[in-house]
C-alpha atoms as a PDB file:
ATOM      1  CA  MET A   1      11.518 -15.180 -15.876  1.00  0.00           C
ATOM      2  CA  LEU A   2      10.353 -11.688 -14.540  1.00  0.00           C
ATOM      3  CA  GLY A   3       7.371 -11.393 -16.977  1.00  0.00           C
ATOM      4  CA  TRP A   4       8.364  -8.508 -19.143  1.00  0.00           C
ATOM      5  CA  CYS A   5       6.963  -8.872 -22.666  1.00  0.00           C
ATOM      6  CA  GLU A   6       8.661  -5.784 -24.032  1.00  0.00           C
ATOM      7  CA  ILE A   7      11.464  -3.503 -22.823  1.00  0.00           C
ATOM      8  CA  GLN A   8      11.923   0.131 -23.761  1.00  0.00           C
ATOM      9  CA  ASP A   9      15.650   0.673 -24.076  1.00  0.00           C
ATOM     10  CA  PRO A  10      16.475   4.391 -23.674  1.00  0.00           C
ATOM     11  CA  GLY A  11      19.722   5.426 -25.251  1.00  0.00           C
ATOM     12  CA  GLY A  12      22.787   3.779 -26.746  1.00  0.00           C
ATOM     13  CA  THR A  13      24.244   3.379 -30.172  1.00  0.00           C
ATOM     14  CA  TRP A  14      23.661   1.675 -33.528  1.00  0.00           C
ATOM     15  CA  ASN A  15      26.052  -0.975 -32.390  1.00  0.00           C
ATOM     16  CA  ASP A  16      23.455  -1.991 -29.806  1.00  0.00           C
ATOM     17  CA  VAL A  17      20.981  -2.287 -32.720  1.00  0.00           C
ATOM     18  CA  ALA A  18      23.368  -4.436 -34.674  1.00  0.00           C
ATOM     19  CA  VAL A  19      23.637  -6.831 -31.736  1.00  0.00           C
ATOM     20  CA  TYR A  20      19.856  -6.969 -31.314  1.00  0.00           C
ATOM     21  CA  ARG A  21      19.411  -7.692 -35.017  1.00  0.00           C
ATOM     22  CA  LYS A  22      22.047 -10.514 -34.927  1.00  0.00           C
ATOM     23  CA  LEU A  23      20.336 -12.102 -31.900  1.00  0.00           C
ATOM     24  CA  TYR A  24      16.913 -11.956 -33.562  1.00  0.00           C
ATOM     25  CA  GLN A  25      18.267 -13.450 -36.677  1.00  0.00           C
ATOM     26  CA  GLN A  26      19.764 -16.282 -34.719  1.00  0.00           C
ATOM     27  CA  ARG A  27      16.475 -16.693 -32.708  1.00  0.00           C
ATOM     28  CA  GLN A  28      18.340 -16.154 -29.466  1.00  0.00           C
ATOM     29  CA  LEU A  29      16.334 -13.063 -28.392  1.00  0.00           C
ATOM     30  CA  GLN A  30      12.575 -13.365 -27.690  1.00  0.00           C
ATOM     31  CA  ILE A  31      11.620 -10.242 -25.789  1.00  0.00           C
ATOM     32  CA  ARG A  32      10.398  -7.246 -27.841  1.00  0.00           C
ATOM     33  CA  ILE A  33      12.543  -4.036 -27.799  1.00  0.00           C
ATOM     34  CA  TYR A  34      11.554  -0.461 -28.346  1.00  0.00           C
ATOM     35  CA  LYS A  35      14.928   1.173 -28.821  1.00  0.00           C
ATOM     36  CA  ALA A  36      16.143   4.802 -28.520  1.00  0.00           C
ATOM     37  CA  VAL A  37      19.614   6.037 -29.673  1.00  0.00           C
ATOM     38  CA  SER A  38      21.400   8.795 -27.819  1.00  0.00           C
ATOM     39  CA  GLY A  39      21.477  12.390 -28.967  1.00  0.00           C
ATOM     40  CA  PRO A  40      22.208  15.013 -29.904  1.00  0.00           C
ATOM     41  CA  GLY A  41      25.069  13.751 -31.931  1.00  0.00           C
ATOM     42  CA  PRO A  42      25.858  11.273 -34.603  1.00  0.00           C
ATOM     43  CA  GLN A  43      23.700   8.414 -33.341  1.00  0.00           C
ATOM     44  CA  ALA A  44      20.621  10.651 -33.412  1.00  0.00           C
ATOM     45  CA  ASP A  45      21.730  12.149 -36.784  1.00  0.00           C
ATOM     46  CA  ARG A  46      21.669   8.710 -38.312  1.00  0.00           C
ATOM     47  CA  LEU A  47      18.197   8.038 -37.084  1.00  0.00           C
ATOM     48  CA  LEU A  48      16.965  11.365 -38.394  1.00  0.00           C
ATOM     49  CA  GLN A  49      18.496  10.671 -41.699  1.00  0.00           C
ATOM     50  CA  GLU A  50      17.303   7.045 -42.116  1.00  0.00           C
ATOM     51  CA  GLY A  51      14.004   7.502 -40.422  1.00  0.00           C
ATOM     52  CA  ALA A  52      12.128   5.325 -37.983  1.00  0.00           C
ATOM     53  CA  GLN A  53      12.412   1.567 -38.294  1.00  0.00           C
ATOM     54  CA  ILE A  54       9.211   0.018 -36.971  1.00  0.00           C
ATOM     55  CA  GLY A  55       8.150  -3.535 -36.215  1.00  0.00           C
ATOM     56  CA  ALA A  56      11.133  -5.463 -37.543  1.00  0.00           C
ATOM     57  CA  PHE A  57      11.430  -9.216 -36.863  1.00  0.00           C
ATOM     58  CA  ASP A  58       7.697  -9.691 -36.600  1.00  0.00           C
ATOM     59  CA  HIS A  59       7.063  -6.696 -34.309  1.00  0.00           C
ATOM     60  CA  HIS A  60      10.088  -7.389 -32.079  1.00  0.00           C
ATOM     61  CA  LEU A  61      12.304  -4.350 -32.796  1.00  0.00           C
ATOM     62  CA  THR A  62      11.432  -0.796 -33.301  1.00  0.00           C
ATOM     63  CA  ILE A  63      13.894   2.202 -33.427  1.00  0.00           C
ATOM     64  CA  ARG A  64      12.089   5.515 -33.602  1.00  0.00           C
ATOM     65  CA  SER A  65      13.295   7.606 -30.574  1.00  0.00           C
ATOM     66  CA  ILE A  66      16.127   9.708 -29.418  1.00  0.00           C
ATOM     67  CA  LYS A  67      17.276   9.748 -25.845  1.00  0.00           C
ATOM     68  CA  VAL A  68      18.665  12.958 -24.381  1.00  0.00           C
ATOM     69  CA  VAL A  69      20.179  13.446 -20.892  1.00  0.00           C
ATOM     70  CA  SER A  70      19.586  16.947 -19.432  1.00  0.00           C
ATOM     71  CA  ASP A  71      20.983  16.599 -15.932  1.00  0.00           C
ATOM     72  CA  GLY A  72      22.548  14.262 -13.330  1.00  0.00           C
ATOM     73  CA  ALA A  73      21.195  12.237 -10.526  1.00  0.00           C
ATOM     74  CA  LEU A  74      19.739  13.333  -7.173  1.00  0.00           C
ATOM     75  CA  GLY A  75      21.826  11.036  -5.051  1.00  0.00           C
ATOM     76  CA  SER A  76      25.071  12.596  -6.284  1.00  0.00           C
ATOM     77  CA  ARG A  77      23.590  16.125  -6.239  1.00  0.00           C
ATOM     78  CA  GLY A  78      23.922  16.314 -10.005  1.00  0.00           C
ATOM     79  CA  ALA A  79      20.204  16.786 -10.641  1.00  0.00           C
ATOM     80  CA  ALA A  80      19.642  20.394 -11.814  1.00  0.00           C
ATOM     81  CA  LEU A  81      17.561  22.269  -9.125  1.00  0.00           C
ATOM     82  CA  LEU A  82      16.031  25.761  -9.230  1.00  0.00           C
ATOM     83  CA  ALA A  83      17.530  26.367  -5.745  1.00  0.00           C
ATOM     84  CA  PRO A  84      20.570  24.981  -3.941  1.00  0.00           C
ATOM     85  CA  TYR A  85      20.390  21.568  -2.299  1.00  0.00           C
ATOM     86  CA  ALA A  86      18.934  21.552   1.217  1.00  0.00           C
ATOM     87  CA  ASP A  87      21.890  19.617   2.427  1.00  0.00           C
ATOM     88  CA  ASP A  88      24.629  21.444   0.466  1.00  0.00           C
ATOM     89  CA  SER A  89      23.871  25.121  -0.302  1.00  0.00           C
ATOM     90  CA  SER A  90      27.112  25.306  -2.491  1.00  0.00           C
ATOM     91  CA  THR A  91      25.479  23.517  -5.386  1.00  0.00           C
ATOM     92  CA  SER A  92      22.170  23.301  -7.252  1.00  0.00           C
ATOM     93  CA  GLY A  93      23.331  20.628  -9.649  1.00  0.00           C
ATOM     94  CA  PHE A  94      23.942  21.086 -13.411  1.00  0.00           C
ATOM     95  CA  LEU A  95      22.513  20.742 -16.857  1.00  0.00           C
ATOM     96  CA  THR A  96      24.371  18.282 -19.188  1.00  0.00           C
ATOM     97  CA  VAL A  97      23.250  19.150 -22.690  1.00  0.00           C
ATOM     98  CA  GLU A  98      24.160  21.946 -25.113  1.00  0.00           C
ATOM     99  CA  VAL A  99      21.172  24.105 -25.992  1.00  0.00           C
ATOM    100  CA  GLY A 100      22.148  24.794 -29.676  1.00  0.00           C
ATOM    101  CA  PRO A 101      22.504  21.260 -30.885  1.00  0.00           C
ATOM    102  CA  LEU A 102      19.454  20.208 -28.872  1.00  0.00           C
ATOM    103  CA  ARG A 103      17.281  22.816 -30.410  1.00  0.00           C
ATOM    104  CA  SER A 104      18.129  21.977 -33.942  1.00  0.00           C
ATOM    105  CA  MET A 105      17.692  18.239 -33.220  1.00  0.00           C
ATOM    106  CA  LEU A 106      14.243  18.830 -31.695  1.00  0.00           C
ATOM    107  CA  ILE A 107      13.038  20.721 -34.728  1.00  0.00           C
ATOM    108  CA  GLU A 108      14.358  18.189 -37.132  1.00  0.00           C
ATOM    109  CA  ALA A 109      12.879  15.305 -35.009  1.00  0.00           C
ATOM    110  CA  LEU A 110       9.391  16.877 -35.345  1.00  0.00           C
ATOM    111  CA  ARG A 111       9.714  17.250 -39.040  1.00  0.00           C
ATOM    112  CA  ARG A 112      10.900  13.655 -39.477  1.00  0.00           C
ATOM    113  CA  GLY A 113       8.476  11.933 -37.057  1.00  0.00           C
ATOM    114  CA  ILE A 114      11.084  10.883 -34.462  1.00  0.00           C
ATOM    115  CA  GLN A 115      10.131  10.655 -30.848  1.00  0.00           C
ATOM    116  CA  VAL A 116      12.315  12.355 -28.260  1.00  0.00           C
ATOM    117  CA  GLU A 117      12.644  11.241 -24.671  1.00  0.00           C
ATOM    118  CA  THR A 118      14.755  13.267 -22.184  1.00  0.00           C
ATOM    119  CA  HIS A 119      16.208  12.405 -18.830  1.00  0.00           C
ATOM    120  CA  ALA A 120      15.234  15.109 -16.429  1.00  0.00           C
ATOM    121  CA  ILE A 121      15.351  14.671 -12.649  1.00  0.00           C
ATOM    122  CA  GLY A 122      15.631  18.085 -10.985  1.00  0.00           C
ATOM    123  CA  ASP A 123      13.055  20.800 -11.086  1.00  0.00           C
ATOM    124  CA  ARG A 124      15.300  22.981 -13.133  1.00  0.00           C
ATOM    125  CA  ALA A 125      16.002  20.281 -15.683  1.00  0.00           C
ATOM    126  CA  ASN A 126      12.290  19.405 -15.949  1.00  0.00           C
ATOM    127  CA  ARG A 127      11.474  23.076 -16.584  1.00  0.00           C
ATOM    128  CA  PHE A 128      14.289  23.365 -19.049  1.00  0.00           C
ATOM    129  CA  ILE A 129      13.170  20.477 -21.137  1.00  0.00           C
ATOM    130  CA  LEU A 130       9.477  21.477 -21.105  1.00  0.00           C
ATOM    131  CA  ASP A 131      10.633  24.963 -22.257  1.00  0.00           C
ATOM    132  CA  GLU A 132      12.697  23.440 -25.054  1.00  0.00           C
ATOM    133  CA  TYR A 133       9.900  21.034 -26.093  1.00  0.00           C
ATOM    134  CA  GLU A 134       7.471  23.909 -26.113  1.00  0.00           C
ATOM    135  CA  ARG A 135       9.862  26.047 -28.180  1.00  0.00           C
ATOM    136  CA  ALA A 136      10.109  23.310 -30.770  1.00  0.00           C
ATOM    137  CA  PHE A 137       6.368  22.744 -30.845  1.00  0.00           C
ATOM    138  CA  ASN A 138       5.820  26.428 -31.525  1.00  0.00           C
ATOM    139  CA  ALA A 139       8.507  26.478 -34.204  1.00  0.00           C
ATOM    140  CA  VAL A 140       7.077  23.505 -36.200  1.00  0.00           C
ATOM    141  CA  ALA A 141       3.377  23.620 -36.918  1.00  0.00           C
ATOM    142  CA  ALA A 142       1.385  20.353 -36.782  1.00  0.00           C
ATOM    143  CA  SER A 143       0.969  20.594 -40.550  1.00  0.00           C
ATOM    144  CA  GLU A 144       4.729  20.560 -40.933  1.00  0.00           C
ATOM    145  CA  ARG A 145       5.337  17.509 -38.679  1.00  0.00           C
ATOM    146  CA  LYS A 146       5.510  13.920 -40.079  1.00  0.00           C
ATOM    147  CA  ILE A 147       3.471  12.966 -36.915  1.00  0.00           C
ATOM    148  CA  ALA A 148       1.085  15.606 -35.705  1.00  0.00           C
ATOM    149  CA  GLU A 149       1.036  14.138 -32.108  1.00  0.00           C
ATOM    150  CA  PRO A 150       4.716  13.484 -31.424  1.00  0.00           C
ATOM    151  CA  ARG A 151       4.251  11.837 -27.920  1.00  0.00           C
ATOM    152  CA  TRP A 152       7.520  13.214 -26.672  1.00  0.00           C
ATOM    153  CA  ARG A 153       8.595  12.058 -23.232  1.00  0.00           C
ATOM    154  CA  ASP A 154      10.137  13.310 -20.026  1.00  0.00           C
ATOM    155  CA  GLU A 155      12.136  10.423 -18.557  1.00  0.00           C
ATOM    156  CA  HIS A 156      11.973  10.387 -14.780  1.00  0.00           C
ATOM    157  CA  SER A 157       9.975  13.707 -14.233  1.00  0.00           C
ATOM    158  CA  GLN A 158      11.189  13.230 -10.772  1.00  0.00           C
ATOM    159  CA  ILE A 159      11.112  16.628  -9.084  1.00  0.00           C
ATOM    160  CA  LEU A 160       8.722  19.238 -10.408  1.00  0.00           C
ATOM    161  CA  ASN A 161       7.982  22.729  -9.430  1.00  0.00           C
ATOM    162  CA  PRO A 162       4.226  22.807  -8.893  1.00  0.00           C
ATOM    163  CA  SER A 163       3.836  25.538 -11.535  1.00  0.00           C
ATOM    164  CA  ASP A 164       5.246  23.137 -14.141  1.00  0.00           C
ATOM    165  CA  LEU A 165       3.099  20.196 -13.328  1.00  0.00           C
ATOM    166  CA  PRO A 166       0.113  21.260 -15.492  1.00  0.00           C
ATOM    167  CA  ARG A 167       2.419  21.824 -18.523  1.00  0.00           C
ATOM    168  CA  PHE A 168       2.701  18.152 -19.315  1.00  0.00           C
ATOM    169  CA  ALA A 169      -1.005  17.855 -20.197  1.00  0.00           C
ATOM    170  CA  GLU A 170      -0.951  21.259 -21.874  1.00  0.00           C
ATOM    171  CA  LEU A 171       2.014  20.277 -24.118  1.00  0.00           C
ATOM    172  CA  GLY A 172       1.083  16.592 -24.621  1.00  0.00           C
ATOM    173  CA  VAL A 173       4.329  15.505 -23.019  1.00  0.00           C
ATOM    174  CA  ILE A 174       4.335  12.067 -21.416  1.00  0.00           C
ATOM    175  CA  PRO A 175       5.988  11.670 -18.032  1.00  0.00           C
ATOM    176  CA  SER A 176       7.931   8.377 -17.956  1.00  0.00           C
ATOM    177  CA  MET A 177       8.613   7.510 -14.302  1.00  0.00           C
ATOM    178  CA  GLN A 178      10.040   4.691 -12.302  1.00  0.00           C
ATOM    179  CA  PRO A 179       8.073   3.952  -9.118  1.00  0.00           C
ATOM    180  CA  SER A 180      11.014   2.176  -7.394  1.00  0.00           C
ATOM    181  CA  HIS A 181      12.935   5.438  -7.526  1.00  0.00           C
ATOM    182  CA  ALA A 182      10.575   6.856  -4.948  1.00  0.00           C
ATOM    183  CA  ILE A 183      10.863   4.028  -2.480  1.00  0.00           C
ATOM    184  CA  GLY A 184      14.661   3.936  -2.916  1.00  0.00           C
ATOM    185  CA  ASP A 185      15.163   7.744  -2.885  1.00  0.00           C
ATOM    186  CA  LEU A 186      13.176   8.275   0.286  1.00  0.00           C
ATOM    187  CA  PHE A 187      16.221   7.295   2.271  1.00  0.00           C
ATOM    188  CA  PHE A 188      18.035  10.546   1.109  1.00  0.00           C
ATOM    189  CA  ALA A 189      15.632  12.788  -0.942  1.00  0.00           C
ATOM    190  CA  PRO A 190      14.169  14.544   2.161  1.00  0.00           C
ATOM    191  CA  ARG A 191      17.670  15.728   3.074  1.00  0.00           C
ATOM    192  CA  ARG A 192      18.471  16.662  -0.525  1.00  0.00           C
ATOM    193  CA  LEU A 193      15.293  18.579  -1.247  1.00  0.00           C
ATOM    194  CA  GLY A 194      13.747  19.751   2.066  1.00  0.00           C
ATOM    195  CA  PRO A 195       9.956  19.446   2.796  1.00  0.00           C
ATOM    196  CA  GLU A 196       8.764  22.188   0.428  1.00  0.00           C
ATOM    197  CA  ARG A 197      10.208  20.527  -2.770  1.00  0.00           C
ATOM    198  CA  LEU A 198       9.015  17.087  -1.714  1.00  0.00           C
ATOM    199  CA  ARG A 199       5.543  18.204  -2.570  1.00  0.00           C
ATOM    200  CA  GLY A 200       6.483  18.094  -6.285  1.00  0.00           C
ATOM    201  CA  ALA A 201       8.544  14.950  -6.063  1.00  0.00           C
ATOM    202  CA  TYR A 202       7.428  11.650  -7.502  1.00  0.00           C
ATOM    203  CA  ALA A 203       4.012  13.325  -8.008  1.00  0.00           C
ATOM    204  CA  TRP A 204       2.290  10.369  -9.806  1.00  0.00           C
ATOM    205  CA  GLN A 205      -1.258  11.022  -8.720  1.00  0.00           C
ATOM    206  CA  SER A 206      -1.096  14.809  -9.308  1.00  0.00           C
ATOM    207  CA  LEU A 207       0.178  14.199 -12.798  1.00  0.00           C
ATOM    208  CA  ILE A 208      -2.535  11.631 -13.598  1.00  0.00           C
ATOM    209  CA  LYS A 209      -5.184  14.052 -12.292  1.00  0.00           C
ATOM    210  CA  SER A 210      -3.793  16.736 -14.469  1.00  0.00           C
ATOM    211  CA  GLY A 211      -4.715  14.748 -17.534  1.00  0.00           C
ATOM    212  CA  VAL A 212      -1.642  12.758 -18.469  1.00  0.00           C
ATOM    213  CA  LEU A 213      -0.799   9.057 -18.360  1.00  0.00           C
ATOM    214  CA  ILE A 214       2.377   7.841 -16.690  1.00  0.00           C
ATOM    215  CA  VAL A 215       4.743   5.344 -18.334  1.00  0.00           C
ATOM    216  CA  ALA A 216       6.177   3.226 -15.490  1.00  0.00           C
ATOM    217  CA  GLY A 217       9.435   1.336 -15.829  1.00  0.00           C
ATOM    218  CA  SER A 218      12.297   0.140 -13.690  1.00  0.00           C
ATOM    219  CA  ASP A 219      15.359   2.031 -14.880  1.00  0.00           C
ATOM    220  CA  ALA A 220      17.259  -1.169 -14.732  1.00  0.00           C
ATOM    221  CA  PRO A 221      20.103  -1.713 -14.068  1.00  0.00           C
ATOM    222  CA  VAL A 222      19.969   1.305 -11.720  1.00  0.00           C
ATOM    223  CA  GLU A 223      17.007  -0.513 -10.089  1.00  0.00           C
ATOM    224  CA  ARG A 224      16.404  -4.246  -9.955  1.00  0.00           C
ATOM    225  CA  GLY A 225      14.131  -4.501 -12.951  1.00  0.00           C
ATOM    226  CA  GLU A 226      11.351  -6.527 -11.201  1.00  0.00           C
ATOM    227  CA  PRO A 227       7.793  -5.689 -12.187  1.00  0.00           C
ATOM    228  CA  MET A 228       6.372  -6.650  -8.869  1.00  0.00           C
ATOM    229  CA  ILE A 229       8.627  -4.118  -7.126  1.00  0.00           C
ATOM    230  CA  GLU A 230       7.481  -1.490  -9.521  1.00  0.00           C
ATOM    231  CA  PHE A 231       3.813  -2.255  -9.017  1.00  0.00           C
ATOM    232  CA  TYR A 232       4.237  -2.414  -5.221  1.00  0.00           C
ATOM    233  CA  ALA A 233       6.105   0.904  -5.095  1.00  0.00           C
ATOM    234  CA  ALA A 234       3.394   2.606  -7.248  1.00  0.00           C
ATOM    235  CA  VAL A 235       0.516   1.507  -5.053  1.00  0.00           C
ATOM    236  CA  ALA A 236       2.158   1.408  -1.609  1.00  0.00           C
ATOM    237  CA  ARG A 237       4.757   4.219  -1.902  1.00  0.00           C
ATOM    238  CA  LYS A 238       6.586   2.608   0.986  1.00  0.00           C
ATOM    239  CA  PRO A 239       9.960   1.091   1.259  1.00  0.00           C
ATOM    240  CA  LEU A 240      10.424  -2.689   0.779  1.00  0.00           C
ATOM    241  CA  PRO A 241       9.656  -4.445   4.129  1.00  0.00           C
ATOM    242  CA  SER A 242      13.254  -5.462   4.451  1.00  0.00           C
ATOM    243  CA  ARG A 243      14.223  -1.736   4.621  1.00  0.00           C
ATOM    244  CA  ALA A 244      11.232  -0.262   6.263  1.00  0.00           C
ATOM    245  CA  ALA A 245      12.660   0.026   9.788  1.00  0.00           C
ATOM    246  CA  ARG A 246      15.417   2.350   8.465  1.00  0.00           C
ATOM    247  CA  THR A 247      13.234   5.339   7.619  1.00  0.00           C
ATOM    248  CA  SER A 248      10.145   7.327   8.549  1.00  0.00           C
ATOM    249  CA  LEU A 249       7.475   7.978   5.957  1.00  0.00           C
ATOM    250  CA  GLU A 250       6.498  11.319   7.477  1.00  0.00           C
ATOM    251  CA  GLY A 251       6.205  13.867   4.726  1.00  0.00           C
ATOM    252  CA  TRP A 252       6.488  11.309   1.918  1.00  0.00           C
ATOM    253  CA  HIS A 253       3.073  12.293   0.461  1.00  0.00           C
ATOM    254  CA  LEU A 254       1.305   8.951   0.324  1.00  0.00           C
ATOM    255  CA  GLU A 255      -1.540  10.671  -1.403  1.00  0.00           C
ATOM    256  CA  GLU A 256       0.596  10.516  -4.537  1.00  0.00           C
ATOM    257  CA  ALA A 257       0.395   6.736  -4.653  1.00  0.00           C
ATOM    258  CA  MET A 258      -1.387   5.204  -7.694  1.00  0.00           C
ATOM    259  CA  THR A 259      -4.465   3.091  -7.545  1.00  0.00           C
ATOM    260  CA  ARG A 260      -3.929  -0.537  -8.455  1.00  0.00           C
ATOM    261  CA  GLU A 261      -5.716   0.068 -11.827  1.00  0.00           C
ATOM    262  CA  GLN A 262      -3.477   3.023 -12.594  1.00  0.00           C
ATOM    263  CA  ALA A 263      -0.397   1.058 -11.715  1.00  0.00           C
ATOM    264  CA  LEU A 264      -1.417  -1.815 -13.979  1.00  0.00           C
ATOM    265  CA  LYS A 265      -2.053   0.587 -16.831  1.00  0.00           C
ATOM    266  CA  SER A 266       1.251   2.198 -16.212  1.00  0.00           C
ATOM    267  CA  LEU A 267       3.075  -1.026 -16.803  1.00  0.00           C
ATOM    268  CA  THR A 268       0.965  -2.126 -19.793  1.00  0.00           C
ATOM    269  CA  ILE A 269      -1.376  -0.017 -21.999  1.00  0.00           C
ATOM    270  CA  TRP A 270       0.187   3.346 -21.052  1.00  0.00           C
ATOM    271  CA  PRO A 271       3.728   2.295 -22.175  1.00  0.00           C
ATOM    272  CA  ALA A 272       2.170   0.877 -25.387  1.00  0.00           C
ATOM    273  CA  TYR A 273       0.670   4.294 -25.999  1.00  0.00           C
ATOM    274  CA  ALA A 274       3.952   6.031 -25.342  1.00  0.00           C
ATOM    275  CA  ALA A 275       5.504   3.744 -27.981  1.00  0.00           C
ATOM    276  CA  PHE A 276       2.725   4.314 -30.540  1.00  0.00           C
ATOM    277  CA  GLU A 277       1.780   0.664 -30.022  1.00  0.00           C
ATOM    278  CA  GLU A 278      -1.594   0.913 -28.216  1.00  0.00           C
ATOM    279  CA  ASP A 279      -3.398  -0.737 -31.149  1.00  0.00           C
ATOM    280  CA  LEU A 280      -0.999  -3.709 -31.130  1.00  0.00           C
ATOM    281  CA  LYS A 281       0.061  -4.208 -27.584  1.00  0.00           C
ATOM    282  CA  GLY A 282      -0.737  -3.347 -23.911  1.00  0.00           C
ATOM    283  CA  SER A 283      -4.074  -5.111 -23.384  1.00  0.00           C
ATOM    284  CA  ILE A 284      -5.565  -8.526 -24.098  1.00  0.00           C
ATOM    285  CA  MET A 285      -7.949  -7.958 -27.005  1.00  0.00           C
ATOM    286  CA  ALA A 286      -8.866  -9.672 -30.239  1.00  0.00           C
ATOM    287  CA  GLY A 287      -6.500  -8.508 -33.028  1.00  0.00           C
ATOM    288  CA  LYS A 288      -3.581  -7.573 -30.708  1.00  0.00           C
ATOM    289  CA  LEU A 289      -0.412  -9.474 -30.171  1.00  0.00           C
ATOM    290  CA  ALA A 290      -0.931 -12.217 -27.548  1.00  0.00           C
ATOM    291  CA  ASP A 291       1.627 -10.739 -25.118  1.00  0.00           C
ATOM    292  CA  PHE A 292       0.670 -11.461 -21.473  1.00  0.00           C
ATOM    293  CA  THR A 293       1.966 -12.681 -18.139  1.00  0.00           C
ATOM    294  CA  VAL A 294       0.429 -15.314 -15.833  1.00  0.00           C
ATOM    295  CA  LEU A 295       1.045 -14.454 -12.120  1.00  0.00           C
ATOM    296  CA  SER A 296       0.899 -16.581  -9.028  1.00  0.00           C
ATOM    297  CA  ALA A 297      -1.633 -14.261  -7.355  1.00  0.00           C
ATOM    298  CA  ASP A 298      -4.209 -11.509  -8.139  1.00  0.00           C
ATOM    299  CA  ILE A 299      -2.095  -8.366  -7.572  1.00  0.00           C
ATOM    300  CA  MET A 300      -5.327  -6.325  -7.924  1.00  0.00           C
ATOM    301  CA  LYS A 301      -6.621  -7.899  -4.647  1.00  0.00           C
ATOM    302  CA  VAL A 302      -3.893  -9.292  -2.406  1.00  0.00           C
ATOM    303  CA  PRO A 303      -2.652  -7.261   0.579  1.00  0.00           C
ATOM    304  CA  GLU A 304       0.118  -4.954  -0.420  1.00  0.00           C
ATOM    305  CA  PRO A 305       3.008  -6.973   1.120  1.00  0.00           C
ATOM    306  CA  GLU A 306       1.905 -10.060  -0.800  1.00  0.00           C
ATOM    307  CA  ILE A 307       2.416  -8.271  -4.104  1.00  0.00           C
ATOM    308  CA  LEU A 308       6.182  -8.688  -3.562  1.00  0.00           C
ATOM    309  CA  ASN A 309       5.707 -12.466  -3.047  1.00  0.00           C
ATOM    310  CA  THR A 310       3.923 -12.858  -6.373  1.00  0.00           C
ATOM    311  CA  LYS A 311       5.836 -14.846  -8.938  1.00  0.00           C
ATOM    312  CA  ASN A 312       5.624 -14.938 -12.691  1.00  0.00           C
ATOM    313  CA  LEU A 313       4.447 -18.449 -13.745  1.00  0.00           C
ATOM    314  CA  MET A 314       4.418 -17.915 -17.523  1.00  0.00           C
ATOM    315  CA  THR A 315       5.179 -15.281 -20.080  1.00  0.00           C
ATOM    316  CA  ILE A 316       3.562 -15.476 -23.480  1.00  0.00           C
END
C-alpha cells in the first residue's frame, strides 16, 4: 500500500527470522527484508557462528547484520550528550552498551564479514561508536577481514559534534538517518540541545558534502513509516502542514535539507548500497530486480506540500 519494496529491519531475534521464513514458505509475505539481529549477546553470537545468510527465498530474506544500541532517545533525555541537556543540567544522558563485549564482537564481525549497525543519537554516543568502530578497524587489517569494505552503519547519527562529522567519510561509516525525526523533534530538540548543538543536528547536507551517502528510513513504528513523509521531510525540513502553526523554524538550519535527487537516492540506491545490494536493487536497470513504485504525481517536480498528497498507485 505504501510503496516499500524492501524494509531493513534493525534488531530482534532469531525467532523473528523463523516467523519470516514461515511466512515466505507459505507465500504470505511479499516484501523483501534485510534483517539484523541484536547484539552483543547470544543473537549476535549465533550469526557470527553461522555466518551471513544472503538472498533466501529468491532474494527476499537476508540476515547479515548486527544491531547495537549505544544510548537512549532525545525526547526522554536518554541520548548520551557530551555536555548536559540545555533544559536539564542534571543529566547528559547515558550509554547503554558494555564496552568489553562490544569490542570483542566488533573484531569478530570484521573477521567473519558481518555488518554492524549501531543506534547512536547523542553527540557523545556518536563519538563513542565512531571511536569503537575505528578501534576495531585498526585492530583488524583489511587482509584479515572477510569483507575488506565492511560498510558499518551509524543508525540515526542524529546529533554530531562538528569535529566528528568528517570521520564518517574518513572511516567509511554510513550514516543511516530518518528524515521524519527532524520534523518531529523540532518541537522539543531546540530546548533539549540549545542553539549551538543544533548546528550538528540532523546534518544531512553537511554529511553528504563530506563524502558519504545517507541511508534514509522511517524508524517505524516510532514514526509512521510513510515514504512520502520521509521524502517531504528530507527536502522541506519543515513540520507537516497540520502541525506547522505550533512551532517556529528559526534556527532549524534549512540549509541542511536534501535536494530532491539526494532524497530519492537516500530512499533507493543508497540503502541498497548499505545492504551490499546496489548491483541487484535500488535503481531501474537491465539485470536488476524489477522493484519499483508507481506514484500519482512526479515528486521531483510538484510543489513541496503536494508531495504529501502523492499516493502509491502500484508496487512491483
